[in-house]
Amino acid sequence: MSSMPPLEPTAADLAQLRPIADRAALVVAALAGQPTLAGASDLTLSAAAGTGASIASATRRVLASWGWVGNSVGAPHPTLVSSQRLLALSRRLRGIADAAALDEGPPVVEAVVTLPSAGGALRAVLGGRPDALATRDGFGHVAASARNRLVFLAPFVDAPGAEALVGMLAATRPLSGS
């Protein structure tokens, strides 16, 4: 256990948590609600916080460096600050995460126009457009651009596009709870 009094985190200290601020906020909030979690394993803490064990571990290390939780190996890790102070930090981390999201700017929205494989009025109208792709290529482009989640709303899909979409969906892991 640390003998120094808990520190007030500086901007540089908070910068350590900026890349994981949204998930670190969950860990800190869990510690505020259940201080005994400070002595729990990273897996237990992460399960209570609804995030990964690596996030719980990284957050705990930073809090220990500030003197907010104990850091003795094999000993309990009691919280050394009040629940109110932890909740205030959790709110601050959420604000940091929100600011980081704003810094990134609005999400990129890109329209992908696809052409049906068979002839028809729609293909004739769209055929002259330089940005129009075959449906299969359009799905591939959108899938390659996805970061965390991909949702298709496809009211008009031709047979090759439907086959491509089914193949891509079959190759992904299902959402939890689905």
C-alpha atoms as a PDB file:
ATOM      1  CA  MET A   1       0.000   0.000   0.000  1.00  0.00           C
ATOM      2  CA  SER A   2       1.284   3.472  -0.819  1.00  0.00           C
ATOM      3  CA  SER A   3       2.207   5.823   2.029  1.00  0.00           C
ATOM      4  CA  MET A   4       1.842   8.994  -0.035  1.00  0.00           C
ATOM      5  CA  PRO A   5      -1.480  10.860  -0.041  1.00  0.00           C
ATOM      6  CA  PRO A   6      -3.644  10.537  -3.147  1.00  0.00           C
ATOM      7  CA  LEU A   7      -2.710  12.999  -5.899  1.00  0.00           C
ATOM      8  CA  GLU A   8      -4.983  15.186  -7.960  1.00  0.00           C
ATOM      9  CA  PRO A   9      -4.452  14.054 -11.553  1.00  0.00           C
ATOM     10  CA  THR A  10      -2.910  16.616 -13.871  1.00  0.00           C
ATOM     11  CA  ALA A  11      -3.759  16.988 -17.555  1.00  0.00           C
ATOM     12  CA  ALA A  12      -0.689  14.853 -18.322  1.00  0.00           C
ATOM     13  CA  ASP A  13      -1.919  12.183 -15.910  1.00  0.00           C
ATOM     14  CA  LEU A  14      -5.346  12.162 -17.542  1.00  0.00           C
ATOM     15  CA  ALA A  15      -3.702  11.942 -20.971  1.00  0.00           C
ATOM     16  CA  GLN A  16      -2.608   8.415 -19.995  1.00  0.00           C
ATOM     17  CA  LEU A  17      -6.270   7.406 -20.011  1.00  0.00           C
ATOM     18  CA  ARG A  18      -7.393   9.456 -23.034  1.00  0.00           C
ATOM     19  CA  PRO A  19      -7.167   6.581 -25.553  1.00  0.00           C
ATOM     20  CA  ILE A  20      -9.374   4.432 -23.319  1.00  0.00           C
ATOM     21  CA  ALA A  21     -11.322   7.203 -21.557  1.00  0.00           C
ATOM     22  CA  ASP A  22     -14.788   5.874 -22.444  1.00  0.00           C
ATOM     23  CA  ARG A  23     -14.027   2.408 -21.043  1.00  0.00           C
ATOM     24  CA  ALA A  24     -11.848   3.666 -18.162  1.00  0.00           C
ATOM     25  CA  ALA A  25     -14.862   5.730 -17.059  1.00  0.00           C
ATOM     26  CA  LEU A  26     -16.815   2.467 -16.721  1.00  0.00           C
ATOM     27  CA  VAL A  27     -14.061   0.908 -14.588  1.00  0.00           C
ATOM     28  CA  VAL A  28     -13.821   3.952 -12.312  1.00  0.00           C
ATOM     29  CA  ALA A  29     -17.624   4.074 -11.943  1.00  0.00           C
ATOM     30  CA  ALA A  30     -17.646   0.376 -11.002  1.00  0.00           C
ATOM     31  CA  LEU A  31     -14.984   1.048  -8.348  1.00  0.00           C
ATOM     32  CA  ALA A  32     -17.055   3.956  -7.017  1.00  0.00           C
ATOM     33  CA  GLY A  33     -20.144   1.765  -6.751  1.00  0.00           C
ATOM     34  CA  GLN A  34     -18.338  -1.262  -5.315  1.00  0.00           C
ATOM     35  CA  PRO A  35     -15.058  -0.239  -3.629  1.00  0.00           C
ATOM     36  CA  THR A  36     -14.301  -3.899  -2.830  1.00  0.00           C
ATOM     37  CA  LEU A  37     -13.725  -4.423  -6.560  1.00  0.00           C
ATOM     38  CA  ALA A  38     -10.413  -2.601  -6.124  1.00  0.00           C
ATOM     39  CA  GLY A  39      -9.049  -5.835  -4.608  1.00  0.00           C
ATOM     40  CA  ALA A  40     -10.679  -8.102  -7.196  1.00  0.00           C
ATOM     41  CA  SER A  41      -8.990  -9.619 -10.221  1.00  0.00           C
ATOM     42  CA  ASP A  42      -8.899  -7.709 -13.483  1.00  0.00           C
ATOM     43  CA  LEU A  43     -11.413 -10.199 -14.892  1.00  0.00           C
ATOM     44  CA  THR A  44     -13.862  -9.602 -12.038  1.00  0.00           C
ATOM     45  CA  LEU A  45     -13.438  -5.831 -12.218  1.00  0.00           C
ATOM     46  CA  SER A  46     -13.807  -5.810 -15.993  1.00  0.00           C
ATOM     47  CA  ALA A  47     -16.950  -7.963 -15.826  1.00  0.00           C
ATOM     48  CA  ALA A  48     -18.508  -5.583 -13.307  1.00  0.00           C
ATOM     49  CA  ALA A  49     -17.550  -2.604 -15.473  1.00  0.00           C
ATOM     50  CA  GLY A  50     -18.664  -4.203 -18.743  1.00  0.00           C
ATOM     51  CA  THR A  51     -15.297  -3.809 -20.428  1.00  0.00           C
ATOM     52  CA  GLY A  52     -12.126  -5.807 -21.090  1.00  0.00           C
ATOM     53  CA  ALA A  53      -9.615  -7.023 -18.515  1.00  0.00           C
ATOM     54  CA  SER A  54      -6.801  -5.101 -20.207  1.00  0.00           C
ATOM     55  CA  ILE A  55      -8.783  -1.870 -19.730  1.00  0.00           C
ATOM     56  CA  ALA A  56      -9.400  -2.694 -16.057  1.00  0.00           C
ATOM     57  CA  SER A  57      -5.697  -3.437 -15.588  1.00  0.00           C
ATOM     58  CA  ALA A  58      -4.525  -0.264 -17.337  1.00  0.00           C
ATOM     59  CA  THR A  59      -7.004   1.887 -15.415  1.00  0.00           C
ATOM     60  CA  ARG A  60      -6.014   0.287 -12.102  1.00  0.00           C
ATOM     61  CA  ARG A  61      -2.292   0.921 -12.845  1.00  0.00           C
ATOM     62  CA  VAL A  62      -2.949   4.610 -13.516  1.00  0.00           C
ATOM     63  CA  LEU A  63      -5.094   4.955 -10.378  1.00  0.00           C
ATOM     64  CA  ALA A  64      -2.357   3.242  -8.353  1.00  0.00           C
ATOM     65  CA  SER A  65       0.256   5.655  -9.735  1.00  0.00           C
ATOM     66  CA  TRP A  66      -1.899   8.512  -8.406  1.00  0.00           C
ATOM     67  CA  GLY A  67      -2.254   6.799  -5.020  1.00  0.00           C
ATOM     68  CA  TRP A  68      -6.005   6.310  -5.521  1.00  0.00           C
ATOM     69  CA  VAL A  69      -5.875   2.518  -5.066  1.00  0.00           C
ATOM     70  CA  GLY A  70      -3.316   0.334  -3.306  1.00  0.00           C
ATOM     71  CA  ASN A  71      -0.848  -1.527  -5.477  1.00  0.00           C
ATOM     72  CA  SER A  72       0.742  -4.224  -3.286  1.00  0.00           C
ATOM     73  CA  VAL A  73       1.260  -7.531  -5.060  1.00  0.00           C
ATOM     74  CA  GLY A  74      -0.857 -10.298  -3.527  1.00  0.00           C
ATOM     75  CA  ALA A  75      -2.580  -7.893  -1.140  1.00  0.00           C
ATOM     76  CA  PRO A  76      -5.994  -6.293  -1.438  1.00  0.00           C
ATOM     77  CA  HIS A  77      -6.172  -3.108  -3.514  1.00  0.00           C
ATOM     78  CA  PRO A  78      -8.414  -0.870  -1.401  1.00  0.00           C
ATOM     79  CA  THR A  79      -9.655   2.397  -2.793  1.00  0.00           C
ATOM     80  CA  LEU A  80      -7.900   5.257  -1.017  1.00  0.00           C
ATOM     81  CA  VAL A  81     -10.273   7.981  -2.222  1.00  0.00           C
ATOM     82  CA  SER A  82     -13.994   8.476  -1.719  1.00  0.00           C
ATOM     83  CA  SER A  83     -16.682   7.117  -4.004  1.00  0.00           C
ATOM     84  CA  GLN A  84     -17.652  10.710  -4.822  1.00  0.00           C
ATOM     85  CA  ARG A  85     -14.112  11.436  -6.025  1.00  0.00           C
ATOM     86  CA  LEU A  86     -14.165   8.303  -8.177  1.00  0.00           C
ATOM     87  CA  LEU A  87     -17.553   9.257  -9.648  1.00  0.00           C
ATOM     88  CA  ALA A  88     -16.230  12.742 -10.431  1.00  0.00           C
ATOM     89  CA  LEU A  89     -13.277  11.147 -12.239  1.00  0.00           C
ATOM     90  CA  SER A  90     -15.623   8.835 -14.137  1.00  0.00           C
ATOM     91  CA  ARG A  91     -17.655  11.839 -15.332  1.00  0.00           C
ATOM     92  CA  ARG A  92     -14.447  13.655 -16.270  1.00  0.00           C
ATOM     93  CA  LEU A  93     -13.272  10.647 -18.288  1.00  0.00           C
ATOM     94  CA  ARG A  94     -16.626  10.513 -20.100  1.00  0.00           C
ATOM     95  CA  GLY A  95     -16.136  14.189 -20.970  1.00  0.00           C
ATOM     96  CA  ILE A  96     -12.642  13.448 -22.264  1.00  0.00           C
ATOM     97  CA  ALA A  97     -14.036  10.630 -24.405  1.00  0.00           C
ATOM     98  CA  ASP A  98     -16.779  12.907 -25.753  1.00  0.00           C
ATOM     99  CA  ALA A  99     -14.217  15.616 -26.568  1.00  0.00           C
ATOM    100  CA  ALA A 100     -12.009  13.065 -28.336  1.00  0.00           C
ATOM    101  CA  ALA A 101     -14.982  11.963 -30.445  1.00  0.00           C
ATOM    102  CA  LEU A 102     -15.702  15.590 -31.359  1.00  0.00           C
ATOM    103  CA  ASP A 103     -12.033  16.091 -32.271  1.00  0.00           C
ATOM    104  CA  GLU A 104     -12.354  13.283 -34.805  1.00  0.00           C
ATOM    105  CA  GLY A 105     -15.158  15.171 -36.540  1.00  0.00           C
ATOM    106  CA  PRO A 106     -18.424  13.835 -37.855  1.00  0.00           C
ATOM    107  CA  PRO A 107     -18.560  10.265 -39.082  1.00  0.00           C
ATOM    108  CA  VAL A 108     -17.709   9.848 -42.731  1.00  0.00           C
ATOM    109  CA  VAL A 109     -20.808   9.106 -44.749  1.00  0.00           C
ATOM    110  CA  GLU A 110     -20.245   7.736 -48.188  1.00  0.00           C
ATOM    111  CA  ALA A 111     -22.967   6.788 -50.620  1.00  0.00           C
ATOM    112  CA  VAL A 112     -22.257   3.691 -52.658  1.00  0.00           C
ATOM    113  CA  VAL A 113     -24.425   3.433 -55.733  1.00  0.00           C
ATOM    114  CA  THR A 114     -24.702  -0.091 -57.064  1.00  0.00           C
ATOM    115  CA  LEU A 115     -25.935  -1.326 -60.405  1.00  0.00           C
ATOM    116  CA  PRO A 116     -28.228  -4.296 -60.810  1.00  0.00           C
ATOM    117  CA  SER A 117     -26.579  -7.091 -62.791  1.00  0.00           C
ATOM    118  CA  ALA A 118     -29.389  -7.425 -65.313  1.00  0.00           C
ATOM    119  CA  GLY A 119     -30.595  -4.764 -67.738  1.00  0.00           C
ATOM    120  CA  GLY A 120     -33.375  -2.424 -66.796  1.00  0.00           C
ATOM    121  CA  ALA A 121     -34.390   1.203 -66.417  1.00  0.00           C
ATOM    122  CA  LEU A 122     -32.408   1.691 -63.191  1.00  0.00           C
ATOM    123  CA  ARG A 123     -29.218   0.339 -64.779  1.00  0.00           C
ATOM    124  CA  ALA A 124     -29.775   2.566 -67.822  1.00  0.00           C
ATOM    125  CA  VAL A 125     -30.171   5.660 -65.625  1.00  0.00           C
ATOM    126  CA  LEU A 126     -27.231   4.850 -63.326  1.00  0.00           C
ATOM    127  CA  GLY A 127     -24.998   3.232 -65.935  1.00  0.00           C
ATOM    128  CA  GLY A 128     -23.426   6.501 -67.007  1.00  0.00           C
ATOM    129  CA  ARG A 129     -22.385   7.467 -63.483  1.00  0.00           C
ATOM    130  CA  PRO A 130     -18.627   7.069 -62.929  1.00  0.00           C
ATOM    131  CA  ASP A 131     -19.104   6.264 -59.212  1.00  0.00           C
ATOM    132  CA  ALA A 132     -21.580   3.443 -59.783  1.00  0.00           C
ATOM    133  CA  LEU A 133     -20.292  -0.026 -58.888  1.00  0.00           C
ATOM    134  CA  ALA A 134     -21.541  -3.544 -59.352  1.00  0.00           C
ATOM    135  CA  THR A 135     -23.575  -4.524 -56.287  1.00  0.00           C
ATOM    136  CA  ARG A 136     -20.999  -7.127 -55.217  1.00  0.00           C
ATOM    137  CA  ASP A 137     -18.179  -4.528 -55.441  1.00  0.00           C
ATOM    138  CA  GLY A 138     -20.276  -1.976 -53.582  1.00  0.00           C
ATOM    139  CA  PHE A 139     -20.826  -4.372 -50.662  1.00  0.00           C
ATOM    140  CA  GLY A 140     -17.128  -5.223 -50.633  1.00  0.00           C
ATOM    141  CA  HIS A 141     -16.203  -1.530 -50.518  1.00  0.00           C
ATOM    142  CA  VAL A 142     -18.588  -0.804 -47.646  1.00  0.00           C
ATOM    143  CA  ALA A 143     -17.470  -3.893 -45.690  1.00  0.00           C
ATOM    144  CA  ALA A 144     -13.788  -2.997 -46.099  1.00  0.00           C
ATOM    145  CA  SER A 145     -14.498   0.522 -44.769  1.00  0.00           C
ATOM    146  CA  ALA A 146     -16.340  -0.639 -41.622  1.00  0.00           C
ATOM    147  CA  ARG A 147     -14.572  -0.214 -38.280  1.00  0.00           C
ATOM    148  CA  ASN A 148     -16.703  -1.659 -35.486  1.00  0.00           C
ATOM    149  CA  ARG A 149     -20.092  -2.497 -36.876  1.00  0.00           C
ATOM    150  CA  LEU A 150     -21.702  -2.835 -40.253  1.00  0.00           C
ATOM    151  CA  VAL A 151     -25.425  -2.595 -40.922  1.00  0.00           C
ATOM    152  CA  PHE A 152     -26.912  -3.049 -44.394  1.00  0.00           C
ATOM    153  CA  LEU A 153     -30.224  -1.594 -45.401  1.00  0.00           C
ATOM    154  CA  ALA A 154     -30.762  -2.973 -48.861  1.00  0.00           C
ATOM    155  CA  PRO A 155     -34.299  -2.570 -50.192  1.00  0.00           C
ATOM    156  CA  PHE A 156     -33.284  -3.400 -53.799  1.00  0.00           C
ATOM    157  CA  VAL A 157     -30.669  -6.140 -54.106  1.00  0.00           C
ATOM    158  CA  ASP A 158     -30.011  -8.207 -57.190  1.00  0.00           C
ATOM    159  CA  ALA A 159     -29.128 -11.925 -57.002  1.00  0.00           C
ATOM    160  CA  PRO A 160     -25.296 -11.495 -57.139  1.00  0.00           C
ATOM    161  CA  GLY A 161     -25.494  -8.760 -54.484  1.00  0.00           C
ATOM    162  CA  ALA A 162     -27.663 -10.947 -52.256  1.00  0.00           C
ATOM    163  CA  GLU A 163     -25.177 -13.812 -52.592  1.00  0.00           C
ATOM    164  CA  ALA A 164     -22.295 -11.488 -51.696  1.00  0.00           C
ATOM    165  CA  LEU A 165     -24.178 -10.123 -48.679  1.00  0.00           C
ATOM    166  CA  VAL A 166     -25.061 -13.624 -47.422  1.00  0.00           C
ATOM    167  CA  GLY A 167     -21.412 -14.672 -47.835  1.00  0.00           C
ATOM    168  CA  MET A 168     -20.137 -11.656 -45.886  1.00  0.00           C
ATOM    169  CA  LEU A 169     -22.677 -12.154 -43.108  1.00  0.00           C
ATOM    170  CA  ALA A 170     -21.781 -15.840 -42.860  1.00  0.00           C
ATOM    171  CA  ALA A 171     -18.104 -14.898 -42.439  1.00  0.00           C
ATOM    172  CA  THR A 172     -18.732 -12.560 -39.466  1.00  0.00           C
ATOM    173  CA  ARG A 173     -19.283 -13.359 -35.841  1.00  0.00           C
ATOM    174  CA  PRO A 174     -22.857 -12.812 -34.613  1.00  0.00           C
ATOM    175  CA  LEU A 175     -23.666  -9.976 -32.209  1.00  0.00           C
ATOM    176  CA  SER A 176     -23.920 -11.131 -28.603  1.00  0.00           C
ATOM    177  CA  GLY A 177     -27.492 -11.814 -27.675  1.00  0.00           C
ATOM    178  CA  SER A 178     -28.451 -12.593 -31.274  1.00  0.00           C
END
